Amino acid sequence: MNLLRSIRSDGTINGSLSPSAVRDIVRSYGAQINVPDLNPHDLRRTCAKLARLGGAPIEIIQHTLGHASIKTTEIYMSTGEESNAGDFIDIVKESDA
């Protein structure tokens, strides 16, 4: 299933966005928030980490990420990768507001 679609100026849905188009869009918005090296994987990792912090079951995160094995998700969640989008964007929880 293709989640990301392009939309023509008349509002009709076009074909799927290519991986490079998604990367270009994310980098463009990243540049606007002074994070020029932001990439789609940063957003994916951030989504998974925030879901877990918010109490989402690991099985739901596995499904969201499309991992066939729960072990893959566990490894993905425990990797000490250098950063995620949450490191650059001030995320305010409702309880903090």
PDB file of N, CA and C in Angstrom:
ATOM      1  N   MET A   1       0.839  -1.182   0.000  1.00  0.00           N
ATOM      2  CA  MET A   1       0.000   0.000   0.000  1.00  0.00           C
ATOM      3  C   MET A   1       0.880   1.241   0.000  1.00  0.00           C
ATOM      4  N   ASN A   2       0.577   2.159  -0.870  1.00  0.00           N
ATOM      5  CA  ASN A   2       1.328   3.405  -0.947  1.00  0.00           C
ATOM      6  C   ASN A   2       0.602   4.479  -0.165  1.00  0.00           C
ATOM      7  N   LEU A   3       1.242   4.952   0.869  1.00  0.00           N
ATOM      8  CA  LEU A   3       0.624   5.921   1.757  1.00  0.00           C
ATOM      9  C   LEU A   3       0.760   7.346   1.230  1.00  0.00           C
ATOM     10  N   LEU A   4       1.894   7.661   0.645  1.00  0.00           N
ATOM     11  CA  LEU A   4       2.143   9.023   0.201  1.00  0.00           C
ATOM     12  C   LEU A   4       1.829   9.172  -1.277  1.00  0.00           C
ATOM     13  N   ARG A   5       0.958  10.089  -1.581  1.00  0.00           N
ATOM     14  CA  ARG A   5       0.540  10.348  -2.959  1.00  0.00           C
ATOM     15  C   ARG A   5       0.755  11.819  -3.280  1.00  0.00           C
ATOM     16  N   SER A   6       1.043  12.085  -4.529  1.00  0.00           N
ATOM     17  CA  SER A   6       1.119  13.479  -4.951  1.00  0.00           C
ATOM     18  C   SER A   6      -0.281  13.929  -5.350  1.00  0.00           C
ATOM     19  N   ILE A   7      -0.523  15.229  -5.226  1.00  0.00           N
ATOM     20  CA  ILE A   7      -1.834  15.789  -5.555  1.00  0.00           C
ATOM     21  C   ILE A   7      -1.631  16.899  -6.572  1.00  0.00           C
ATOM     22  N   ARG A   8      -2.377  16.821  -7.644  1.00  0.00           N
ATOM     23  CA  ARG A   8      -2.295  17.846  -8.698  1.00  0.00           C
ATOM     24  C   ARG A   8      -2.945  19.137  -8.202  1.00  0.00           C
ATOM     25  N   SER A   9      -2.673  20.203  -8.903  1.00  0.00           N
ATOM     26  CA  SER A   9      -3.207  21.508  -8.503  1.00  0.00           C
ATOM     27  C   SER A   9      -4.732  21.542  -8.538  1.00  0.00           C
ATOM     28  N   ASP A  10      -5.357  20.665  -9.344  1.00  0.00           N
ATOM     29  CA  ASP A  10      -6.819  20.636  -9.386  1.00  0.00           C
ATOM     30  C   ASP A  10      -7.415  19.739  -8.293  1.00  0.00           C
ATOM     31  N   GLY A  11      -6.538  19.173  -7.445  1.00  0.00           N
ATOM     32  CA  GLY A  11      -6.999  18.357  -6.323  1.00  0.00           C
ATOM     33  C   GLY A  11      -7.086  16.873  -6.609  1.00  0.00           C
ATOM     34  N   THR A  12      -6.849  16.451  -7.848  1.00  0.00           N
ATOM     35  CA  THR A  12      -6.895  15.021  -8.145  1.00  0.00           C
ATOM     36  C   THR A  12      -5.624  14.345  -7.654  1.00  0.00           C
ATOM     37  N   ILE A  13      -5.792  13.105  -7.208  1.00  0.00           N
ATOM     38  CA  ILE A  13      -4.669  12.351  -6.670  1.00  0.00           C
ATOM     39  C   ILE A  13      -3.885  11.729  -7.813  1.00  0.00           C
ATOM     40  N   ASN A  14      -2.602  11.918  -7.776  1.00  0.00           N
ATOM     41  CA  ASN A  14      -1.686  11.398  -8.781  1.00  0.00           C
ATOM     42  C   ASN A  14      -1.069  10.108  -8.239  1.00  0.00           C
ATOM     43  N   GLY A  15      -0.039   9.635  -8.832  1.00  0.00           N
ATOM     44  CA  GLY A  15       0.630   8.411  -8.408  1.00  0.00           C
ATOM     45  C   GLY A  15       1.382   8.578  -7.100  1.00  0.00           C
ATOM     46  N   SER A  16       2.075   7.531  -6.722  1.00  0.00           N
ATOM     47  CA  SER A  16       2.850   7.539  -5.481  1.00  0.00           C
ATOM     48  C   SER A  16       4.053   8.462  -5.593  1.00  0.00           C
ATOM     49  N   LEU A  17       4.442   9.017  -4.465  1.00  0.00           N
ATOM     50  CA  LEU A  17       5.665   9.812  -4.429  1.00  0.00           C
ATOM     51  C   LEU A  17       6.855   8.858  -4.404  1.00  0.00           C
ATOM     52  N   SER A  18       7.879   9.209  -5.104  1.00  0.00           N
ATOM     53  CA  SER A  18       9.092   8.392  -5.107  1.00  0.00           C
ATOM     54  C   SER A  18       9.848   8.618  -3.799  1.00  0.00           C
ATOM     55  N   PRO A  19      10.702   7.676  -3.430  1.00  0.00           N
ATOM     56  CA  PRO A  19      11.516   7.877  -2.219  1.00  0.00           C
ATOM     57  C   PRO A  19      12.329   9.174  -2.276  1.00  0.00           C
ATOM     58  N   SER A  20      12.842   9.505  -3.446  1.00  0.00           N
ATOM     59  CA  SER A  20      13.623  10.742  -3.537  1.00  0.00           C
ATOM     60  C   SER A  20      12.733  11.980  -3.379  1.00  0.00           C
ATOM     61  N   ALA A  21      11.492  11.907  -3.830  1.00  0.00           N
ATOM     62  CA  ALA A  21      10.569  13.040  -3.646  1.00  0.00           C
ATOM     63  C   ALA A  21      10.253  13.222  -2.164  1.00  0.00           C
ATOM     64  N   VAL A  22      10.042  12.131  -1.451  1.00  0.00           N
ATOM     65  CA  VAL A  22       9.779  12.213  -0.006  1.00  0.00           C
ATOM     66  C   VAL A  22      10.991  12.820   0.692  1.00  0.00           C
ATOM     67  N   ARG A  23      12.191  12.340   0.343  1.00  0.00           N
ATOM     68  CA  ARG A  23      13.422  12.867   0.946  1.00  0.00           C
ATOM     69  C   ARG A  23      13.540  14.363   0.681  1.00  0.00           C
ATOM     70  N   ASP A  24      13.276  14.789  -0.551  1.00  0.00           N
ATOM     71  CA  ASP A  24      13.383  16.208  -0.891  1.00  0.00           C
ATOM     72  C   ASP A  24      12.392  17.053  -0.101  1.00  0.00           C
ATOM     73  N   ILE A  25      11.184  16.555   0.078  1.00  0.00           N
ATOM     74  CA  ILE A  25      10.169  17.281   0.852  1.00  0.00           C
ATOM     75  C   ILE A  25      10.606  17.407   2.308  1.00  0.00           C
ATOM     76  N   VAL A  26      11.062  16.302   2.889  1.00  0.00           N
ATOM     77  CA  VAL A  26      11.496  16.317   4.295  1.00  0.00           C
ATOM     78  C   VAL A  26      12.687  17.258   4.464  1.00  0.00           C
ATOM     79  N   ARG A  27      13.639  17.204   3.552  1.00  0.00           N
ATOM     80  CA  ARG A  27      14.813  18.087   3.645  1.00  0.00           C
ATOM     81  C   ARG A  27      14.416  19.557   3.483  1.00  0.00           C
ATOM     82  N   SER A  28      13.451  19.812   2.620  1.00  0.00           N
ATOM     83  CA  SER A  28      12.991  21.182   2.426  1.00  0.00           C
ATOM     84  C   SER A  28      12.394  21.735   3.718  1.00  0.00           C
ATOM     85  N   TYR A  29      11.525  20.944   4.347  1.00  0.00           N
ATOM     86  CA  TYR A  29      10.937  21.392   5.618  1.00  0.00           C
ATOM     87  C   TYR A  29      11.983  21.414   6.722  1.00  0.00           C
ATOM     88  N   GLY A  30      12.921  20.489   6.691  1.00  0.00           N
ATOM     89  CA  GLY A  30      14.012  20.500   7.663  1.00  0.00           C
ATOM     90  C   GLY A  30      14.817  21.785   7.580  1.00  0.00           C
ATOM     91  N   ALA A  31      15.095  22.222   6.366  1.00  0.00           N
ATOM     92  CA  ALA A  31      15.837  23.469   6.181  1.00  0.00           C
ATOM     93  C   ALA A  31      15.068  24.654   6.770  1.00  0.00           C
ATOM     94  N   GLN A  32      13.746  24.624   6.655  1.00  0.00           N
ATOM     95  CA  GLN A  32      12.921  25.716   7.179  1.00  0.00           C
ATOM     96  C   GLN A  32      12.981  25.792   8.702  1.00  0.00           C
ATOM     97  N   ILE A  33      13.271  24.670   9.357  1.00  0.00           N
ATOM     98  CA  ILE A  33      13.364  24.670  10.823  1.00  0.00           C
ATOM     99  C   ILE A  33      14.821  24.562  11.273  1.00  0.00           C
ATOM    100  N   ASN A  34      15.732  24.895  10.363  1.00  0.00           N
ATOM    101  CA  ASN A  34      17.168  24.897  10.641  1.00  0.00           C
ATOM    102  C   ASN A  34      17.734  23.517  10.959  1.00  0.00           C
ATOM    103  N   VAL A  35      17.184  22.493  10.333  1.00  0.00           N
ATOM    104  CA  VAL A  35      17.700  21.131  10.434  1.00  0.00           C
ATOM    105  C   VAL A  35      17.894  20.632   8.993  1.00  0.00           C
ATOM    106  N   PRO A  36      18.919  21.155   8.301  1.00  0.00           N
ATOM    107  CA  PRO A  36      19.074  20.870   6.880  1.00  0.00           C
ATOM    108  C   PRO A  36      19.331  19.399   6.538  1.00  0.00           C
ATOM    109  N   ASP A  37      19.837  18.626   7.483  1.00  0.00           N
ATOM    110  CA  ASP A  37      20.130  17.218   7.210  1.00  0.00           C
ATOM    111  C   ASP A  37      19.006  16.279   7.637  1.00  0.00           C
ATOM    112  N   LEU A  38      17.841  16.825   7.956  1.00  0.00           N
ATOM    113  CA  LEU A  38      16.710  15.985   8.354  1.00  0.00           C
ATOM    114  C   LEU A  38      16.351  15.042   7.217  1.00  0.00           C
ATOM    115  N   ASN A  39      16.117  13.779   7.538  1.00  0.00           N
ATOM    116  CA  ASN A  39      15.743  12.816   6.504  1.00  0.00           C
ATOM    117  C   ASN A  39      14.559  11.985   6.972  1.00  0.00           C
ATOM    118  N   PRO A  40      13.891  11.311   6.057  1.00  0.00           N
ATOM    119  CA  PRO A  40      12.700  10.543   6.422  1.00  0.00           C
ATOM    120  C   PRO A  40      12.946   9.512   7.527  1.00  0.00           C
ATOM    121  N   HIS A  41      14.140   8.931   7.553  1.00  0.00           N
ATOM    122  CA  HIS A  41      14.408   7.931   8.593  1.00  0.00           C
ATOM    123  C   HIS A  41      14.408   8.568   9.979  1.00  0.00           C
ATOM    124  N   ASP A  42      14.849   9.827  10.090  1.00  0.00           N
ATOM    125  CA  ASP A  42      14.793  10.534  11.367  1.00  0.00           C
ATOM    126  C   ASP A  42      13.349  10.613  11.855  1.00  0.00           C
ATOM    127  N   LEU A  43      12.430  10.903  10.942  1.00  0.00           N
ATOM    128  CA  LEU A  43      11.016  11.019  11.306  1.00  0.00           C
ATOM    129  C   LEU A  43      10.433   9.662  11.687  1.00  0.00           C
ATOM    130  N   ARG A  44      10.840   8.629  10.976  1.00  0.00           N
ATOM    131  CA  ARG A  44      10.376   7.268  11.266  1.00  0.00           C
ATOM    132  C   ARG A  44      10.841   6.841  12.668  1.00  0.00           C
ATOM    133  N   ARG A  45      12.116   7.085  12.942  1.00  0.00           N
ATOM    134  CA  ARG A  45      12.680   6.723  14.242  1.00  0.00           C
ATOM    135  C   ARG A  45      12.015   7.533  15.354  1.00  0.00           C
ATOM    136  N   THR A  46      11.789   8.831  15.090  1.00  0.00           N
ATOM    137  CA  THR A  46      11.141   9.685  16.077  1.00  0.00           C
ATOM    138  C   THR A  46       9.720   9.205  16.362  1.00  0.00           C
ATOM    139  N   CYS A  47       8.995   8.852  15.332  1.00  0.00           N
ATOM    140  CA  CYS A  47       7.637   8.341  15.498  1.00  0.00           C
ATOM    141  C   CYS A  47       7.639   7.115  16.395  1.00  0.00           C
ATOM    142  N   ALA A  48       8.545   6.191  16.137  1.00  0.00           N
ATOM    143  CA  ALA A  48       8.614   4.961  16.927  1.00  0.00           C
ATOM    144  C   ALA A  48       8.961   5.254  18.381  1.00  0.00           C
ATOM    145  N   LYS A  49       9.934   6.112  18.596  1.00  0.00           N
ATOM    146  CA  LYS A  49      10.350   6.426  19.968  1.00  0.00           C
ATOM    147  C   LYS A  49       9.258   7.168  20.739  1.00  0.00           C
ATOM    148  N   LEU A  50       8.601   8.123  20.074  1.00  0.00           N
ATOM    149  CA  LEU A  50       7.528   8.855  20.755  1.00  0.00           C
ATOM    150  C   LEU A  50       6.328   7.959  21.041  1.00  0.00           C
ATOM    151  N   ALA A  51       6.047   7.048  20.121  1.00  0.00           N
ATOM    152  CA  ALA A  51       4.951   6.104  20.356  1.00  0.00           C
ATOM    153  C   ALA A  51       5.255   5.252  21.581  1.00  0.00           C
ATOM    154  N   ARG A  52       6.477   4.784  21.688  1.00  0.00           N
ATOM    155  CA  ARG A  52       6.860   3.955  22.833  1.00  0.00           C
ATOM    156  C   ARG A  52       6.799   4.758  24.122  1.00  0.00           C
ATOM    157  N   LEU A  53       7.327   5.991  24.081  1.00  0.00           N
ATOM    158  CA  LEU A  53       7.271   6.857  25.272  1.00  0.00           C
ATOM    159  C   LEU A  53       5.830   7.162  25.664  1.00  0.00           C
ATOM    160  N   GLY A  54       4.954   7.203  24.684  1.00  0.00           N
ATOM    161  CA  GLY A  54       3.546   7.464  24.943  1.00  0.00           C
ATOM    162  C   GLY A  54       2.777   6.239  25.398  1.00  0.00           C
ATOM    163  N   GLY A  55       3.464   5.107  25.485  1.00  0.00           N
ATOM    164  CA  GLY A  55       2.823   3.902  26.001  1.00  0.00           C
ATOM    165  C   GLY A  55       2.307   2.944  24.945  1.00  0.00           C
ATOM    166  N   ALA A  56       2.626   3.163  23.685  1.00  0.00           N
ATOM    167  CA  ALA A  56       2.167   2.251  22.635  1.00  0.00           C
ATOM    168  C   ALA A  56       2.829   0.889  22.797  1.00  0.00           C
ATOM    169  N   PRO A  57       2.057  -0.174  22.659  1.00  0.00           N
ATOM    170  CA  PRO A  57       2.638  -1.517  22.735  1.00  0.00           C
ATOM    171  C   PRO A  57       3.632  -1.733  21.591  1.00  0.00           C
ATOM    172  N   ILE A  58       4.680  -2.468  21.872  1.00  0.00           N
ATOM    173  CA  ILE A  58       5.713  -2.735  20.872  1.00  0.00           C
ATOM    174  C   ILE A  58       5.124  -3.394  19.623  1.00  0.00           C
ATOM    175  N   GLU A  59       4.051  -4.177  19.787  1.00  0.00           N
ATOM    176  CA  GLU A  59       3.415  -4.833  18.642  1.00  0.00           C
ATOM    177  C   GLU A  59       2.782  -3.816  17.689  1.00  0.00           C
ATOM    178  N   ILE A  60       2.243  -2.747  18.242  1.00  0.00           N
ATOM    179  CA  ILE A  60       1.658  -1.686  17.408  1.00  0.00           C
ATOM    180  C   ILE A  60       2.764  -0.947  16.658  1.00  0.00           C
ATOM    181  N   ILE A  61       3.858  -0.686  17.340  1.00  0.00           N
ATOM    182  CA  ILE A  61       4.989  -0.023  16.693  1.00  0.00           C
ATOM    183  C   ILE A  61       5.552  -0.923  15.602  1.00  0.00           C
ATOM    184  N   GLN A  62       5.650  -2.215  15.874  1.00  0.00           N
ATOM    185  CA  GLN A  62       6.108  -3.178  14.867  1.00  0.00           C
ATOM    186  C   GLN A  62       5.240  -3.083  13.617  1.00  0.00           C
ATOM    187  N   HIS A  63       3.941  -3.084  13.817  1.00  0.00           N
ATOM    188  CA  HIS A  63       3.011  -3.006  12.684  1.00  0.00           C
ATOM    189  C   HIS A  63       3.172  -1.687  11.933  1.00  0.00           C
ATOM    190  N   THR A  64       3.285  -0.594  12.671  1.00  0.00           N
ATOM    191  CA  THR A  64       3.440   0.722  12.058  1.00  0.00           C
ATOM    192  C   THR A  64       4.704   0.798  11.210  1.00  0.00           C
ATOM    193  N   LEU A  65       5.783   0.221  11.713  1.00  0.00           N
ATOM    194  CA  LEU A  65       7.054   0.257  10.999  1.00  0.00           C
ATOM    195  C   LEU A  65       7.126  -0.772   9.877  1.00  0.00           C
ATOM    196  N   GLY A  66       6.218  -1.743   9.906  1.00  0.00           N
ATOM    197  CA  GLY A  66       6.211  -2.764   8.869  1.00  0.00           C
ATOM    198  C   GLY A  66       7.244  -3.854   9.067  1.00  0.00           C
ATOM    199  N   HIS A  67       7.681  -4.037  10.300  1.00  0.00           N
ATOM    200  CA  HIS A  67       8.651  -5.090  10.589  1.00  0.00           C
ATOM    201  C   HIS A  67       7.954  -6.440  10.665  1.00  0.00           C
ATOM    202  N   ALA A  68       8.534  -7.440  10.028  1.00  0.00           N
ATOM    203  CA  ALA A  68       7.963  -8.789  10.061  1.00  0.00           C
ATOM    204  C   ALA A  68       8.186  -9.443  11.420  1.00  0.00           C
ATOM    205  N   SER A  69       9.263  -9.087  12.073  1.00  0.00           N
ATOM    206  CA  SER A  69       9.623  -9.712  13.344  1.00  0.00           C
ATOM    207  C   SER A  69       9.622  -8.683  14.467  1.00  0.00           C
ATOM    208  N   ILE A  70       9.087  -9.079  15.607  1.00  0.00           N
ATOM    209  CA  ILE A  70       9.112  -8.213  16.785  1.00  0.00           C
ATOM    210  C   ILE A  70      10.549  -7.972  17.223  1.00  0.00           C
ATOM    211  N   LYS A  71      11.427  -8.938  16.972  1.00  0.00           N
ATOM    212  CA  LYS A  71      12.847  -8.799  17.314  1.00  0.00           C
ATOM    213  C   LYS A  71      13.468  -7.624  16.550  1.00  0.00           C
ATOM    214  N   THR A  72      13.096  -7.472  15.292  1.00  0.00           N
ATOM    215  CA  THR A  72      13.608  -6.356  14.492  1.00  0.00           C
ATOM    216  C   THR A  72      13.198  -5.034  15.120  1.00  0.00           C
ATOM    217  N   THR A  73      11.951  -4.952  15.558  1.00  0.00           N
ATOM    218  CA  THR A  73      11.464  -3.726  16.191  1.00  0.00           C
ATOM    219  C   THR A  73      12.193  -3.468  17.499  1.00  0.00           C
ATOM    220  N   GLU A  74      12.415  -4.515  18.291  1.00  0.00           N
ATOM    221  CA  GLU A  74      13.138  -4.353  19.551  1.00  0.00           C
ATOM    222  C   GLU A  74      14.550  -3.842  19.306  1.00  0.00           C
ATOM    223  N   ILE A  75      15.205  -4.380  18.295  1.00  0.00           N
ATOM    224  CA  ILE A  75      16.555  -3.928  17.957  1.00  0.00           C
ATOM    225  C   ILE A  75      16.510  -2.483  17.474  1.00  0.00           C
ATOM    226  N   TYR A  76      15.551  -2.181  16.613  1.00  0.00           N
ATOM    227  CA  TYR A  76      15.383  -0.833  16.072  1.00  0.00           C
ATOM    228  C   TYR A  76      15.171   0.176  17.193  1.00  0.00           C
ATOM    229  N   MET A  77      14.356  -0.194  18.171  1.00  0.00           N
ATOM    230  CA  MET A  77      14.044   0.715  19.270  1.00  0.00           C
ATOM    231  C   MET A  77      15.220   0.889  20.232  1.00  0.00           C
ATOM    232  N   SER A  78      16.128  -0.066  20.269  1.00  0.00           N
ATOM    233  CA  SER A  78      17.231   0.014  21.225  1.00  0.00           C
ATOM    234  C   SER A  78      18.516   0.524  20.604  1.00  0.00           C
ATOM    235  N   THR A  79      18.504   0.809  19.302  1.00  0.00           N
ATOM    236  CA  THR A  79      19.728   1.303  18.668  1.00  0.00           C
ATOM    237  C   THR A  79      20.053   2.684  19.197  1.00  0.00           C
ATOM    238  N   GLY A  80      21.296   2.917  19.397  1.00  0.00           N
ATOM    239  CA  GLY A  80      21.755   4.214  19.890  1.00  0.00           C
ATOM    240  C   GLY A  80      22.113   5.137  18.746  1.00  0.00           C
ATOM    241  N   GLU A  81      21.256   5.199  17.730  1.00  0.00           N
ATOM    242  CA  GLU A  81      21.562   6.065  16.596  1.00  0.00           C
ATOM    243  C   GLU A  81      21.705   7.499  17.079  1.00  0.00           C
ATOM    244  N   GLU A  82      22.476   8.258  16.328  1.00  0.00           N
ATOM    245  CA  GLU A  82      22.940   9.557  16.769  1.00  0.00           C
ATOM    246  C   GLU A  82      21.844  10.562  17.130  1.00  0.00           C
ATOM    247  N   SER A  83      20.749  10.590  16.416  1.00  0.00           N
ATOM    248  CA  SER A  83      19.736  11.598  16.701  1.00  0.00           C
ATOM    249  C   SER A  83      18.415  11.223  16.064  1.00  0.00           C
ATOM    250  N   ASN A  84      17.389  11.930  16.465  1.00  0.00           N
ATOM    251  CA  ASN A  84      16.096  11.822  15.814  1.00  0.00           C
ATOM    252  C   ASN A  84      15.500  13.221  15.790  1.00  0.00           C
ATOM    253  N   ALA A  85      14.408  13.384  15.099  1.00  0.00           N
ATOM    254  CA  ALA A  85      13.835  14.714  14.919  1.00  0.00           C
ATOM    255  C   ALA A  85      13.496  15.373  16.252  1.00  0.00           C
ATOM    256  N   GLY A  86      13.145  14.592  17.258  1.00  0.00           N
ATOM    257  CA  GLY A  86      12.817  15.141  18.562  1.00  0.00           C
ATOM    258  C   GLY A  86      13.985  15.846  19.225  1.00  0.00           C
ATOM    259  N   ASP A  87      15.208  15.543  18.770  1.00  0.00           N
ATOM    260  CA  ASP A  87      16.371  16.236  19.305  1.00  0.00           C
ATOM    261  C   ASP A  87      16.436  17.675  18.821  1.00  0.00           C
ATOM    262  N   PHE A  88      15.733  17.981  17.735  1.00  0.00           N
ATOM    263  CA  PHE A  88      15.805  19.302  17.126  1.00  0.00           C
ATOM    264  C   PHE A  88      14.535  20.116  17.308  1.00  0.00           C
ATOM    265  N   ILE A  89      13.449  19.458  17.626  1.00  0.00           N
ATOM    266  CA  ILE A  89      12.159  20.115  17.700  1.00  0.00           C
ATOM    267  C   ILE A  89      11.664  20.029  19.130  1.00  0.00           C
ATOM    268  N   ASP A  90      11.244  21.147  19.683  1.00  0.00           N
ATOM    269  CA  ASP A  90      10.742  21.174  21.042  1.00  0.00           C
ATOM    270  C   ASP A  90       9.339  20.545  21.051  1.00  0.00           C
ATOM    271  N   ILE A  91       9.250  19.345  21.578  1.00  0.00           N
ATOM    272  CA  ILE A  91       7.969  18.625  21.621  1.00  0.00           C
ATOM    273  C   ILE A  91       7.376  18.803  23.008  1.00  0.00           C
ATOM    274  N   VAL A  92       6.185  19.395  23.056  1.00  0.00           N
ATOM    275  CA  VAL A  92       5.514  19.653  24.334  1.00  0.00           C
ATOM    276  C   VAL A  92       4.390  18.641  24.486  1.00  0.00           C
ATOM    277  N   LYS A  93       4.433  17.895  25.587  1.00  0.00           N
ATOM    278  CA  LYS A  93       3.370  16.960  25.888  1.00  0.00           C
ATOM    279  C   LYS A  93       2.178  17.739  26.448  1.00  0.00           C
ATOM    280  N   GLU A  94       0.993  17.181  26.271  1.00  0.00           N
ATOM    281  CA  GLU A  94      -0.209  17.847  26.798  1.00  0.00           C
ATOM    282  C   GLU A  94      -0.085  18.085  28.293  1.00  0.00           C
ATOM    283  N   SER A  95       0.514  17.150  29.007  1.00  0.00           N
ATOM    284  CA  SER A  95       0.628  17.284  30.460  1.00  0.00           C
ATOM    285  C   SER A  95       1.594  18.393  30.844  1.00  0.00           C
ATOM    286  N   ASP A  96       2.504  18.785  29.899  1.00  0.00           N
ATOM    287  CA  ASP A  96       3.450  19.864  30.156  1.00  0.00           C
ATOM    288  C   ASP A  96       2.883  21.231  29.807  1.00  0.00           C
ATOM    289  N   ALA A  97       1.809  21.243  29.012  1.00  0.00           N
ATOM    290  CA  ALA A  97       1.270  22.524  28.517  1.00  0.00           C
ATOM    291  C   ALA A  97       0.490  23.252  29.587  1.00  0.00           C
TER     292      ALA A  97
END
